[in-house]
Amino acid sequence: MARPKNTLDTIQITVSTTQQVRDLLELLTEQGLYGKNVAETAHNLVKEKLRELIERGHLPRSTPNTNPSQG
């Protein structure tokens, strides 16, 4: 089943990490639990952690619009 189209604008970021972290992301990707490639796996893990931080009250449920082109 195809996933629905993202209705939010996306931006690209670059993350530098160690080979060990890259290898672990690759392992998770091969298991097919978090994504179809390393970038998607990293994206999904970050989203999962952010949701956890929101639920624990460490982050607000919504953020103010900080993009000047949007406001």
Protein backbone atom coordinates (compact mmCIF):
# COMPACT_ATOMS: atom_id res chain seq x y z
CA MET A 1 0.00 0.00 0.00
CA ALA A 2 1.45 3.35 -1.00
CA ARG A 3 1.81 5.94 1.71
CA PRO A 4 -0.16 9.17 1.36
CA LYS A 5 1.46 12.27 -0.13
CA ASN A 6 3.00 14.59 2.46
CA THR A 7 0.84 17.70 2.67
CA LEU A 8 3.53 19.69 4.49
CA ASP A 9 6.44 21.39 2.78
CA THR A 10 9.69 19.59 3.49
CA ILE A 11 13.24 20.87 3.78
CA GLN A 12 16.48 19.01 3.43
CA ILE A 13 19.00 18.87 6.27
CA THR A 14 22.40 17.24 6.44
CA VAL A 15 23.41 15.16 9.43
CA SER A 16 26.97 14.04 10.09
CA THR A 17 27.39 10.95 12.20
CA THR A 18 29.77 8.12 12.96
CA GLN A 19 30.17 4.97 10.90
CA GLN A 20 28.71 2.99 13.81
CA VAL A 21 25.48 5.00 13.72
CA ARG A 22 25.33 4.65 9.93
CA ASP A 23 25.79 0.88 10.25
CA LEU A 24 22.97 0.66 12.80
CA LEU A 25 20.67 2.69 10.56
CA GLU A 26 21.52 0.35 7.69
CA LEU A 27 20.71 -2.66 9.88
CA LEU A 28 17.32 -1.21 10.82
CA THR A 29 16.67 -0.42 7.16
CA GLU A 30 17.46 -4.00 6.15
CA GLN A 31 14.97 -5.22 8.76
CA GLY A 32 12.34 -3.08 7.05
CA LEU A 33 10.85 -1.70 10.26
CA TYR A 34 11.60 2.01 9.87
CA GLY A 35 12.14 2.79 6.22
CA LYS A 36 13.18 1.70 2.78
CA ASN A 37 16.55 3.49 2.90
CA VAL A 38 18.88 4.92 5.55
CA ALA A 39 17.61 8.49 5.14
CA GLU A 40 13.99 7.42 5.59
CA THR A 41 14.92 5.28 8.59
CA ALA A 42 16.72 8.22 10.22
CA HIS A 43 13.74 10.49 9.46
CA ASN A 44 11.29 8.06 11.04
CA LEU A 45 13.44 7.59 14.14
CA VAL A 46 13.73 11.34 14.63
CA LYS A 47 9.95 11.74 14.26
CA GLU A 48 9.39 8.93 16.76
CA LYS A 49 11.69 10.55 19.31
CA LEU A 50 10.11 13.98 18.82
CA ARG A 51 6.66 12.50 19.45
CA GLU A 52 8.00 10.89 22.62
CA LEU A 53 9.43 14.22 23.82
CA ILE A 54 6.09 15.94 23.12
CA GLU A 55 4.18 13.28 25.04
CA ARG A 56 6.55 13.65 28.02
CA GLY A 57 6.06 17.42 28.02
CA HIS A 58 9.63 18.26 27.00
CA LEU A 59 8.48 19.93 23.76
CA PRO A 60 5.36 21.96 22.99
CA ARG A 61 2.60 20.28 20.98
CA SER A 62 2.87 22.99 18.34
CA THR A 63 5.60 25.41 17.36
CA PRO A 64 5.23 29.02 16.27
CA ASN A 65 5.70 29.73 12.57
CA THR A 66 9.39 30.61 12.34
CA ASN A 67 9.60 30.67 8.54
CA PRO A 68 9.46 34.32 7.39
CA SER A 69 8.29 33.30 3.90
CA GLN A 70 5.23 31.65 5.47
CA GLY A 71 4.12 34.53 7.59
